[in-house]
Amino acid sequence: MSQPRTVAVVVGSLRKDSVSRKIARALETLTPGLKFVEVEIGSLPHFDQDLEATPPAEWVAFREQVKTADAVLFVTPEYNRSIPGVLKNAIDVGSRPYGSSVWNGKPGAVISASPGAIGGFGAFHHLRQTLVFLNVPALNIEAYIGGAFTLFDDNGELVNESTTEFLRAYGQAFKAWIEKILADEAAVAKAA
């Protein structure tokens, strides 16, 4: 039996009781065969190109965690119709130094969540636009989770049946997507 693929999980919320983190953990539970590893972004110093000569230890650790993962999952709230600043900073840190982006070619997926009805639609699409530039082939399934604060019980367990079924199907689609992208990359490398 092959080892499960490792997914670097980047949660765009720093809240202790983050709904985005709860969604990521629910997806992990519902997706056997993938190993989810949350990558800390809250302690990353702000990106400043002047620091590249001697990058902060937090940048180095973050880049290595993402680089060694097989795929990446972003789960984010929406702030002002876009992604949180802390998530944008993590994306920028991982994209540098120029030509050494840890995101390049890595299969990805995006889930946005919001207490509102449109489920973080703006954040989802802004993040996807950024991923296109970073050459992250992202799963082409729209995943906006609205009413997010009502989906979990007091213990953080997902209790909404339709969201559970959606995440189960999403996880299986993501798993298949990872295998497809990695197989395509291996075929291209072999042909080169």
N, C-alpha and C. Protein backbone atom coordinates (compact mmCIF):
# COMPACT_ATOMS: atom_id res chain seq x y z
N MET A 1 0.84 -1.20 0.00
CA MET A 1 0.00 0.00 0.00
C MET A 1 0.88 1.24 0.00
N SER A 2 0.54 2.20 -0.86
CA SER A 2 1.34 3.42 -0.95
C SER A 2 1.04 4.35 0.22
N GLN A 3 2.01 5.22 0.49
CA GLN A 3 1.84 6.21 1.55
C GLN A 3 0.78 7.23 1.14
N PRO A 4 0.00 7.73 2.10
CA PRO A 4 -0.98 8.76 1.74
C PRO A 4 -0.27 10.04 1.30
N ARG A 5 -0.90 10.75 0.39
CA ARG A 5 -0.37 12.04 -0.06
C ARG A 5 -0.49 13.05 1.08
N THR A 6 0.51 13.90 1.21
CA THR A 6 0.51 14.93 2.24
C THR A 6 -0.04 16.23 1.67
N VAL A 7 -0.98 16.82 2.39
CA VAL A 7 -1.60 18.08 1.99
C VAL A 7 -1.24 19.15 3.03
N ALA A 8 -0.56 20.19 2.58
CA ALA A 8 -0.30 21.34 3.44
C ALA A 8 -1.60 22.14 3.52
N VAL A 9 -2.10 22.33 4.72
CA VAL A 9 -3.36 23.05 4.93
C VAL A 9 -3.04 24.46 5.41
N VAL A 10 -3.49 25.44 4.63
CA VAL A 10 -3.27 26.84 4.97
C VAL A 10 -4.62 27.44 5.33
N VAL A 11 -4.79 27.75 6.61
CA VAL A 11 -6.05 28.30 7.12
C VAL A 11 -5.89 29.81 7.21
N GLY A 12 -6.79 30.53 6.57
CA GLY A 12 -6.70 31.99 6.50
C GLY A 12 -7.20 32.74 7.71
N SER A 13 -7.57 32.03 8.75
CA SER A 13 -8.08 32.67 9.96
C SER A 13 -7.18 32.34 11.13
N LEU A 14 -6.92 33.34 11.97
CA LEU A 14 -6.10 33.12 13.16
C LEU A 14 -6.93 32.91 14.42
N ARG A 15 -8.24 33.04 14.32
CA ARG A 15 -9.11 32.91 15.51
C ARG A 15 -8.94 31.56 16.18
N LYS A 16 -8.96 31.55 17.48
CA LYS A 16 -8.87 30.31 18.25
C LYS A 16 -10.02 29.37 17.86
N ASP A 17 -11.21 29.91 17.69
CA ASP A 17 -12.40 29.12 17.35
C ASP A 17 -12.73 29.26 15.86
N SER A 18 -11.72 29.23 15.04
CA SER A 18 -11.86 29.46 13.60
C SER A 18 -12.76 28.43 12.92
N VAL A 19 -13.78 28.92 12.23
CA VAL A 19 -14.66 28.05 11.45
C VAL A 19 -13.89 27.46 10.27
N SER A 20 -12.98 28.24 9.69
CA SER A 20 -12.18 27.73 8.58
C SER A 20 -11.36 26.52 9.03
N ARG A 21 -10.77 26.59 10.20
CA ARG A 21 -9.99 25.47 10.74
C ARG A 21 -10.91 24.26 11.00
N LYS A 22 -12.11 24.52 11.50
CA LYS A 22 -13.06 23.43 11.74
C LYS A 22 -13.42 22.74 10.42
N ILE A 23 -13.60 23.53 9.38
CA ILE A 23 -13.92 22.96 8.07
C ILE A 23 -12.76 22.12 7.57
N ALA A 24 -11.53 22.64 7.72
CA ALA A 24 -10.35 21.87 7.29
C ALA A 24 -10.27 20.54 8.04
N ARG A 25 -10.53 20.56 9.33
CA ARG A 25 -10.47 19.32 10.13
C ARG A 25 -11.59 18.36 9.76
N ALA A 26 -12.76 18.91 9.47
CA ALA A 26 -13.87 18.05 9.03
C ALA A 26 -13.53 17.40 7.69
N LEU A 27 -12.95 18.16 6.78
CA LEU A 27 -12.55 17.60 5.48
C LEU A 27 -11.52 16.49 5.67
N GLU A 28 -10.59 16.69 6.58
CA GLU A 28 -9.59 15.66 6.87
C GLU A 28 -10.25 14.37 7.35
N THR A 29 -11.19 14.49 8.25
CA THR A 29 -11.90 13.33 8.78
C THR A 29 -12.67 12.61 7.68
N LEU A 30 -13.21 13.37 6.74
CA LEU A 30 -14.05 12.81 5.69
C LEU A 30 -13.27 12.34 4.46
N THR A 31 -11.93 12.50 4.48
CA THR A 31 -11.12 12.16 3.31
C THR A 31 -10.01 11.20 3.70
N PRO A 32 -10.32 9.92 3.82
CA PRO A 32 -9.25 8.95 4.11
C PRO A 32 -8.29 8.86 2.92
N GLY A 33 -7.04 8.57 3.24
CA GLY A 33 -6.04 8.42 2.18
C GLY A 33 -5.23 9.67 1.91
N LEU A 34 -5.56 10.77 2.60
CA LEU A 34 -4.75 11.98 2.52
C LEU A 34 -4.29 12.33 3.94
N LYS A 35 -3.07 12.82 4.05
CA LYS A 35 -2.54 13.25 5.35
C LYS A 35 -2.52 14.77 5.35
N PHE A 36 -3.35 15.39 6.17
CA PHE A 36 -3.46 16.84 6.25
C PHE A 36 -2.53 17.37 7.34
N VAL A 37 -1.73 18.37 7.00
CA VAL A 37 -0.81 18.98 7.96
C VAL A 37 -1.01 20.48 7.90
N GLU A 38 -1.55 21.05 8.98
CA GLU A 38 -1.76 22.50 8.99
C GLU A 38 -0.42 23.21 9.09
N VAL A 39 -0.26 24.23 8.26
CA VAL A 39 0.96 25.02 8.22
C VAL A 39 0.66 26.36 8.89
N GLU A 40 1.41 26.68 9.92
CA GLU A 40 1.21 27.90 10.70
C GLU A 40 1.54 29.13 9.86
N ILE A 41 0.63 30.10 9.84
CA ILE A 41 0.90 31.34 9.11
C ILE A 41 0.85 32.58 9.99
N GLY A 42 0.34 32.46 11.20
CA GLY A 42 0.15 33.62 12.07
C GLY A 42 1.43 34.26 12.55
N SER A 43 2.50 33.49 12.62
CA SER A 43 3.76 34.03 13.14
C SER A 43 4.73 34.45 12.04
N LEU A 44 4.30 34.37 10.78
CA LEU A 44 5.20 34.76 9.68
C LEU A 44 5.43 36.27 9.68
N PRO A 45 6.69 36.70 9.75
CA PRO A 45 6.94 38.14 9.60
C PRO A 45 6.42 38.61 8.25
N HIS A 46 6.00 39.85 8.19
CA HIS A 46 5.50 40.41 6.93
C HIS A 46 6.57 40.29 5.86
N PHE A 47 6.11 40.00 4.65
CA PHE A 47 7.07 39.86 3.57
C PHE A 47 7.74 41.21 3.31
N ASP A 48 9.05 41.17 3.23
CA ASP A 48 9.87 42.34 2.93
C ASP A 48 11.07 41.81 2.16
N GLN A 49 11.19 42.21 0.93
CA GLN A 49 12.25 41.68 0.08
C GLN A 49 13.63 41.93 0.67
N ASP A 50 13.78 42.97 1.47
CA ASP A 50 15.07 43.25 2.09
C ASP A 50 15.51 42.14 3.04
N LEU A 51 14.55 41.35 3.53
CA LEU A 51 14.89 40.26 4.45
C LEU A 51 15.35 38.99 3.74
N GLU A 52 15.24 38.96 2.41
CA GLU A 52 15.60 37.75 1.67
C GLU A 52 17.05 37.34 1.81
N ALA A 53 17.95 38.27 2.02
CA ALA A 53 19.38 37.94 2.16
C ALA A 53 19.59 36.97 3.31
N THR A 54 18.87 37.19 4.40
CA THR A 54 18.88 36.29 5.56
C THR A 54 17.43 36.10 6.00
N PRO A 55 16.70 35.18 5.33
CA PRO A 55 15.27 35.06 5.62
C PRO A 55 15.00 34.64 7.07
N PRO A 56 13.95 35.18 7.66
CA PRO A 56 13.57 34.79 9.01
C PRO A 56 13.33 33.28 9.10
N ALA A 57 13.62 32.70 10.23
CA ALA A 57 13.47 31.26 10.44
C ALA A 57 12.04 30.81 10.17
N GLU A 58 11.07 31.66 10.49
CA GLU A 58 9.66 31.30 10.25
C GLU A 58 9.39 31.15 8.77
N TRP A 59 9.98 32.00 7.94
CA TRP A 59 9.82 31.89 6.49
C TRP A 59 10.41 30.58 6.00
N VAL A 60 11.61 30.28 6.47
CA VAL A 60 12.31 29.06 6.03
C VAL A 60 11.48 27.83 6.39
N ALA A 61 10.98 27.76 7.62
CA ALA A 61 10.19 26.61 8.07
C ALA A 61 8.89 26.50 7.27
N PHE A 62 8.23 27.61 7.05
CA PHE A 62 6.98 27.62 6.29
C PHE A 62 7.22 27.12 4.87
N ARG A 63 8.23 27.68 4.22
CA ARG A 63 8.53 27.28 2.84
C ARG A 63 8.85 25.80 2.76
N GLU A 64 9.58 25.27 3.72
CA GLU A 64 9.94 23.86 3.69
C GLU A 64 8.71 22.97 3.88
N GLN A 65 7.82 23.35 4.79
CA GLN A 65 6.60 22.56 5.00
C GLN A 65 5.76 22.49 3.74
N VAL A 66 5.59 23.62 3.08
CA VAL A 66 4.77 23.63 1.87
C VAL A 66 5.50 22.88 0.75
N LYS A 67 6.79 23.13 0.62
CA LYS A 67 7.58 22.52 -0.46
C LYS A 67 7.54 21.00 -0.40
N THR A 68 7.60 20.43 0.80
CA THR A 68 7.65 18.97 0.93
C THR A 68 6.28 18.31 0.84
N ALA A 69 5.21 19.09 0.86
CA ALA A 69 3.86 18.53 0.73
C ALA A 69 3.58 18.19 -0.73
N ASP A 70 2.69 17.23 -0.93
CA ASP A 70 2.29 16.85 -2.29
C ASP A 70 1.28 17.81 -2.89
N ALA A 71 0.50 18.47 -2.02
CA ALA A 71 -0.59 19.33 -2.46
C ALA A 71 -0.84 20.38 -1.39
N VAL A 72 -1.71 21.34 -1.72
CA VAL A 72 -2.03 22.39 -0.77
C VAL A 72 -3.53 22.67 -0.78
N LEU A 73 -4.08 22.85 0.42
CA LEU A 73 -5.49 23.19 0.60
C LEU A 73 -5.57 24.53 1.32
N PHE A 74 -6.31 25.46 0.75
CA PHE A 74 -6.55 26.75 1.38
C PHE A 74 -7.99 26.77 1.87
N VAL A 75 -8.18 27.09 3.15
CA VAL A 75 -9.52 27.25 3.70
C VAL A 75 -9.53 28.63 4.36
N THR A 76 -10.41 29.50 3.87
CA THR A 76 -10.33 30.89 4.30
C THR A 76 -11.68 31.54 4.53
N PRO A 77 -11.72 32.47 5.48
CA PRO A 77 -12.89 33.34 5.59
C PRO A 77 -12.77 34.44 4.54
N GLU A 78 -13.78 35.26 4.49
CA GLU A 78 -13.76 36.42 3.60
C GLU A 78 -13.70 37.68 4.44
N TYR A 79 -12.73 38.54 4.14
CA TYR A 79 -12.63 39.84 4.79
C TYR A 79 -12.77 40.90 3.71
N ASN A 80 -13.78 41.73 3.80
CA ASN A 80 -13.97 42.84 2.87
C ASN A 80 -13.95 42.37 1.41
N ARG A 81 -14.64 41.28 1.14
CA ARG A 81 -14.79 40.69 -0.20
C ARG A 81 -13.47 40.15 -0.78
N SER A 82 -12.51 39.86 0.11
CA SER A 82 -11.24 39.30 -0.34
C SER A 82 -10.68 38.39 0.75
N ILE A 83 -9.41 38.03 0.59
CA ILE A 83 -8.78 37.15 1.57
C ILE A 83 -8.16 37.96 2.70
N PRO A 84 -7.99 37.35 3.86
CA PRO A 84 -7.35 38.03 4.97
C PRO A 84 -5.89 38.39 4.65
N GLY A 85 -5.40 39.48 5.23
CA GLY A 85 -4.03 39.91 5.01
C GLY A 85 -3.01 38.85 5.40
N VAL A 86 -3.28 38.12 6.48
CA VAL A 86 -2.33 37.11 6.93
C VAL A 86 -2.16 36.00 5.88
N LEU A 87 -3.23 35.67 5.17
CA LEU A 87 -3.15 34.67 4.12
C LEU A 87 -2.37 35.21 2.93
N LYS A 88 -2.63 36.45 2.55
CA LYS A 88 -1.89 37.06 1.44
C LYS A 88 -0.40 37.11 1.76
N ASN A 89 -0.07 37.43 3.01
CA ASN A 89 1.33 37.46 3.41
C ASN A 89 1.97 36.07 3.26
N ALA A 90 1.26 35.02 3.68
CA ALA A 90 1.80 33.66 3.56
C ALA A 90 2.02 33.29 2.09
N ILE A 91 1.10 33.68 1.25
CA ILE A 91 1.24 33.41 -0.18
C ILE A 91 2.48 34.13 -0.72
N ASP A 92 2.67 35.38 -0.33
CA ASP A 92 3.82 36.14 -0.79
C ASP A 92 5.13 35.53 -0.28
N VAL A 93 5.18 35.15 0.98
CA VAL A 93 6.38 34.53 1.55
C VAL A 93 6.73 33.25 0.78
N GLY A 94 5.72 32.43 0.48
CA GLY A 94 5.97 31.18 -0.23
C GLY A 94 6.34 31.37 -1.68
N SER A 95 6.02 32.51 -2.25
CA SER A 95 6.28 32.74 -3.67
C SER A 95 7.69 33.26 -3.94
N ARG A 96 8.45 33.53 -2.91
CA ARG A 96 9.78 34.12 -3.06
C ARG A 96 10.84 33.20 -2.47
N PRO A 97 12.10 33.34 -2.80
CA PRO A 97 12.62 34.29 -3.76
C PRO A 97 12.16 33.96 -5.17
N TYR A 98 12.20 34.98 -6.03
CA TYR A 98 11.71 34.83 -7.39
C TYR A 98 12.36 33.61 -8.04
N GLY A 99 11.52 32.79 -8.67
CA GLY A 99 12.00 31.58 -9.34
C GLY A 99 12.05 30.36 -8.44
N SER A 100 11.75 30.54 -7.15
CA SER A 100 11.80 29.42 -6.20
C SER A 100 10.49 29.26 -5.43
N SER A 101 9.38 29.61 -6.04
CA SER A 101 8.08 29.53 -5.38
C SER A 101 7.76 28.11 -4.94
N VAL A 102 7.37 27.96 -3.68
CA VAL A 102 6.98 26.63 -3.18
C VAL A 102 5.60 26.21 -3.70
N TRP A 103 4.88 27.14 -4.28
CA TRP A 103 3.54 26.87 -4.81
C TRP A 103 3.57 26.28 -6.22
N ASN A 104 4.62 26.54 -6.96
CA ASN A 104 4.68 26.24 -8.38
C ASN A 104 4.36 24.77 -8.71
N GLY A 105 3.28 24.57 -9.46
CA GLY A 105 2.88 23.25 -9.93
C GLY A 105 2.21 22.37 -8.91
N LYS A 106 2.06 22.84 -7.69
CA LYS A 106 1.49 22.02 -6.62
C LYS A 106 -0.03 21.96 -6.75
N PRO A 107 -0.62 20.74 -6.82
CA PRO A 107 -2.08 20.64 -6.90
C PRO A 107 -2.72 21.33 -5.69
N GLY A 108 -3.78 22.08 -5.94
CA GLY A 108 -4.40 22.83 -4.86
C GLY A 108 -5.91 22.77 -4.87
N ALA A 109 -6.48 23.25 -3.78
CA ALA A 109 -7.93 23.36 -3.64
C ALA A 109 -8.23 24.54 -2.73
N VAL A 110 -9.40 25.14 -2.92
CA VAL A 110 -9.82 26.30 -2.14
C VAL A 110 -11.22 26.08 -1.62
N ILE A 111 -11.40 26.39 -0.34
CA ILE A 111 -12.73 26.43 0.28
C ILE A 111 -12.84 27.76 1.00
N SER A 112 -13.93 28.46 0.78
CA SER A 112 -14.16 29.70 1.53
C SER A 112 -15.41 29.51 2.39
N ALA A 113 -15.42 30.23 3.51
CA ALA A 113 -16.53 30.10 4.45
C ALA A 113 -16.89 31.45 5.03
N SER A 114 -18.16 31.62 5.32
CA SER A 114 -18.64 32.88 5.84
C SER A 114 -19.94 32.63 6.62
N PRO A 115 -20.22 33.45 7.62
CA PRO A 115 -21.52 33.33 8.27
C PRO A 115 -22.65 33.79 7.35
N GLY A 116 -22.32 34.57 6.33
CA GLY A 116 -23.31 35.07 5.39
C GLY A 116 -23.74 34.03 4.37
N ALA A 117 -24.71 34.41 3.58
CA ALA A 117 -25.32 33.48 2.63
C ALA A 117 -24.44 33.15 1.43
N ILE A 118 -23.52 34.06 1.06
CA ILE A 118 -22.74 33.79 -0.15
C ILE A 118 -21.42 33.07 0.12
N GLY A 119 -21.17 32.72 1.37
CA GLY A 119 -20.09 31.80 1.71
C GLY A 119 -18.70 32.20 1.31
N GLY A 120 -18.39 33.46 1.29
CA GLY A 120 -17.04 33.88 0.97
C GLY A 120 -16.72 33.85 -0.51
N PHE A 121 -17.72 34.10 -1.35
CA PHE A 121 -17.56 34.08 -2.81
C PHE A 121 -16.39 34.96 -3.27
N GLY A 122 -16.29 36.18 -2.72
CA GLY A 122 -15.23 37.10 -3.13
C GLY A 122 -13.85 36.58 -2.77
N ALA A 123 -13.69 36.07 -1.55
CA ALA A 123 -12.40 35.52 -1.13
C ALA A 123 -12.00 34.34 -2.00
N PHE A 124 -12.96 33.48 -2.27
CA PHE A 124 -12.70 32.29 -3.09
C PHE A 124 -12.12 32.70 -4.44
N HIS A 125 -12.76 33.63 -5.11
CA HIS A 125 -12.33 34.01 -6.46
C HIS A 125 -11.05 34.85 -6.46
N HIS A 126 -10.85 35.69 -5.45
CA HIS A 126 -9.58 36.42 -5.38
C HIS A 126 -8.43 35.44 -5.18
N LEU A 127 -8.63 34.46 -4.31
CA LEU A 127 -7.58 33.48 -4.06
C LEU A 127 -7.31 32.65 -5.30
N ARG A 128 -8.35 32.22 -5.99
CA ARG A 128 -8.15 31.43 -7.22
C ARG A 128 -7.38 32.24 -8.27
N GLN A 129 -7.67 33.53 -8.36
CA GLN A 129 -6.95 34.38 -9.31
C GLN A 129 -5.46 34.40 -8.98
N THR A 130 -5.13 34.51 -7.72
CA THR A 130 -3.74 34.50 -7.30
C THR A 130 -3.09 33.15 -7.61
N LEU A 131 -3.81 32.07 -7.39
CA LEU A 131 -3.25 30.74 -7.63
C LEU A 131 -2.95 30.50 -9.10
N VAL A 132 -3.75 31.10 -9.99
CA VAL A 132 -3.46 30.99 -11.42
C VAL A 132 -2.09 31.59 -11.71
N PHE A 133 -1.82 32.76 -11.17
CA PHE A 133 -0.53 33.40 -11.37
C PHE A 133 0.61 32.56 -10.80
N LEU A 134 0.37 31.90 -9.68
CA LEU A 134 1.41 31.11 -9.01
C LEU A 134 1.56 29.71 -9.60
N ASN A 135 0.80 29.40 -10.65
CA ASN A 135 0.85 28.09 -11.29
C ASN A 135 0.47 26.96 -10.33
N VAL A 136 -0.57 27.20 -9.55
CA VAL A 136 -1.15 26.16 -8.70
C VAL A 136 -2.38 25.64 -9.43
N PRO A 137 -2.31 24.43 -9.99
CA PRO A 137 -3.51 23.89 -10.64
C PRO A 137 -4.55 23.55 -9.58
N ALA A 138 -5.58 24.37 -9.50
CA ALA A 138 -6.58 24.25 -8.44
C ALA A 138 -7.79 23.44 -8.90
N LEU A 139 -8.29 22.62 -8.01
CA LEU A 139 -9.50 21.84 -8.24
C LEU A 139 -10.61 22.78 -8.69
N ASN A 140 -11.28 22.43 -9.76
CA ASN A 140 -12.27 23.32 -10.35
C ASN A 140 -13.68 23.01 -9.84
N ILE A 141 -13.83 23.05 -8.53
CA ILE A 141 -15.14 22.90 -7.89
C ILE A 141 -15.33 24.10 -6.98
N GLU A 142 -16.41 24.82 -7.17
CA GLU A 142 -16.68 25.98 -6.33
C GLU A 142 -17.11 25.49 -4.95
N ALA A 143 -16.44 26.01 -3.93
CA ALA A 143 -16.70 25.57 -2.56
C ALA A 143 -16.86 26.79 -1.66
N TYR A 144 -18.07 27.34 -1.64
CA TYR A 144 -18.40 28.46 -0.76
C TYR A 144 -19.33 27.89 0.30
N ILE A 145 -18.95 28.02 1.54
CA ILE A 145 -19.78 27.47 2.62
C ILE A 145 -20.38 28.62 3.41
N GLY A 146 -21.68 28.84 3.20
CA GLY A 146 -22.40 29.91 3.89
C GLY A 146 -22.99 29.42 5.20
N GLY A 147 -23.41 30.35 6.03
CA GLY A 147 -23.99 30.01 7.33
C GLY A 147 -23.03 29.21 8.18
N ALA A 148 -21.74 29.46 8.03
CA ALA A 148 -20.70 28.60 8.61
C ALA A 148 -20.74 28.51 10.13
N PHE A 149 -21.21 29.54 10.80
CA PHE A 149 -21.21 29.51 12.26
C PHE A 149 -22.26 28.55 12.83
N THR A 150 -23.18 28.10 11.99
CA THR A 150 -24.25 27.21 12.47
C THR A 150 -23.98 25.74 12.15
N LEU A 151 -22.86 25.42 11.55
CA LEU A 151 -22.60 24.07 11.06
C LEU A 151 -21.95 23.13 12.06
N PHE A 152 -21.47 23.68 13.18
CA PHE A 152 -20.71 22.90 14.14
C PHE A 152 -21.35 22.96 15.52
N ASP A 153 -21.20 21.87 16.29
CA ASP A 153 -21.70 21.88 17.66
C ASP A 153 -20.67 22.53 18.59
N ASP A 154 -20.96 22.54 19.89
CA ASP A 154 -20.08 23.19 20.85
C ASP A 154 -18.71 22.53 20.95
N ASN A 155 -18.59 21.29 20.48
CA ASN A 155 -17.31 20.57 20.50
C ASN A 155 -16.55 20.70 19.19
N GLY A 156 -17.08 21.52 18.27
CA GLY A 156 -16.40 21.72 17.00
C GLY A 156 -16.66 20.62 15.98
N GLU A 157 -17.66 19.78 16.24
CA GLU A 157 -17.98 18.69 15.32
C GLU A 157 -19.01 19.16 14.29
N LEU A 158 -18.78 18.80 13.06
CA LEU A 158 -19.69 19.15 11.97
C LEU A 158 -21.01 18.40 12.17
N VAL A 159 -22.12 19.13 12.22
CA VAL A 159 -23.42 18.52 12.47
C VAL A 159 -24.41 18.73 11.33
N ASN A 160 -24.00 19.42 10.29
CA ASN A 160 -24.88 19.68 9.17
C ASN A 160 -24.69 18.59 8.12
N GLU A 161 -25.76 17.83 7.84
CA GLU A 161 -25.66 16.67 6.95
C GLU A 161 -25.30 17.04 5.51
N SER A 162 -25.91 18.10 4.97
CA SER A 162 -25.62 18.45 3.58
C SER A 162 -24.18 18.95 3.42
N THR A 163 -23.67 19.66 4.42
CA THR A 163 -22.27 20.10 4.37
C THR A 163 -21.33 18.91 4.51
N THR A 164 -21.70 17.96 5.34
CA THR A 164 -20.90 16.74 5.50
C THR A 164 -20.80 16.01 4.17
N GLU A 165 -21.91 15.85 3.49
CA GLU A 165 -21.89 15.14 2.20
C GLU A 165 -21.13 15.93 1.14
N PHE A 166 -21.28 17.26 1.15
CA PHE A 166 -20.52 18.08 0.22
C PHE A 166 -19.03 17.92 0.45
N LEU A 167 -18.60 18.02 1.71
CA LEU A 167 -17.17 17.91 2.02
C LEU A 167 -16.63 16.51 1.71
N ARG A 168 -17.43 15.50 1.94
CA ARG A 168 -17.00 14.13 1.61
C ARG A 168 -16.73 14.01 0.10
N ALA A 169 -17.65 14.50 -0.71
CA ALA A 169 -17.49 14.45 -2.17
C ALA A 169 -16.33 15.34 -2.61
N TYR A 170 -16.21 16.51 -1.99
CA TYR A 170 -15.13 17.44 -2.32
C TYR A 170 -13.77 16.80 -2.01
N GLY A 171 -13.67 16.16 -0.86
CA GLY A 171 -12.42 15.49 -0.47
C GLY A 171 -12.03 14.41 -1.46
N GLN A 172 -13.00 13.62 -1.91
CA GLN A 172 -12.69 12.57 -2.89
C GLN A 172 -12.28 13.16 -4.23
N ALA A 173 -12.93 14.24 -4.63
CA ALA A 173 -12.56 14.92 -5.88
C ALA A 173 -11.15 15.51 -5.76
N PHE A 174 -10.83 16.07 -4.61
CA PHE A 174 -9.50 16.64 -4.38
C PHE A 174 -8.44 15.55 -4.43
N LYS A 175 -8.73 14.44 -3.79
CA LYS A 175 -7.79 13.30 -3.80
C LYS A 175 -7.52 12.84 -5.23
N ALA A 176 -8.56 12.70 -6.02
CA ALA A 176 -8.40 12.29 -7.43
C ALA A 176 -7.63 13.36 -8.21
N TRP A 177 -7.90 14.63 -7.93
CA TRP A 177 -7.21 15.73 -8.59
C TRP A 177 -5.71 15.69 -8.31
N ILE A 178 -5.35 15.47 -7.06
CA ILE A 178 -3.94 15.38 -6.69
C ILE A 178 -3.26 14.28 -7.50
N GLU A 179 -3.88 13.11 -7.55
CA GLU A 179 -3.29 11.98 -8.29
C GLU A 179 -3.15 12.31 -9.77
N LYS A 180 -4.14 12.96 -10.34
CA LYS A 180 -4.09 13.32 -11.77
C LYS A 180 -2.95 14.29 -12.04
N ILE A 181 -2.85 15.34 -11.25
CA ILE A 181 -1.81 16.35 -11.48
C ILE A 181 -0.42 15.75 -11.28
N LEU A 182 -0.24 14.96 -10.24
CA LEU A 182 1.07 14.36 -9.99
C LEU A 182 1.43 13.35 -11.07
N ALA A 183 0.45 12.60 -11.56
CA ALA A 183 0.71 11.65 -12.66
C ALA A 183 1.07 12.40 -13.94
N ASP A 184 0.37 13.49 -14.22
CA ASP A 184 0.68 14.29 -15.40
C ASP A 184 2.10 14.85 -15.31
N GLU A 185 2.48 15.36 -14.13
CA GLU A 185 3.83 15.90 -13.94
C GLU A 185 4.89 14.81 -14.12
N ALA A 186 4.61 13.61 -13.59
CA ALA A 186 5.56 12.51 -13.73
C ALA A 186 5.73 12.10 -15.19
N ALA A 187 4.62 12.10 -15.94
CA ALA A 187 4.68 11.75 -17.37
C ALA A 187 5.49 12.78 -18.15
N VAL A 188 5.32 14.05 -17.84
CA VAL A 188 6.06 15.10 -18.53
C VAL A 188 7.55 14.97 -18.20
N ALA A 189 7.88 14.72 -16.92
CA ALA A 189 9.27 14.59 -16.50
C ALA A 189 9.91 13.38 -17.18
N LYS A 190 9.18 12.29 -17.30
CA LYS A 190 9.70 11.08 -17.92
C LYS A 190 9.97 11.29 -19.41
N ALA A 191 9.10 12.07 -20.06
CA ALA A 191 9.23 12.32 -21.50
C ALA A 191 10.37 13.31 -21.80
N ALA A 192 10.75 14.09 -20.81
CA ALA A 192 11.79 15.13 -21.04
C ALA A 192 13.18 14.55 -21.19
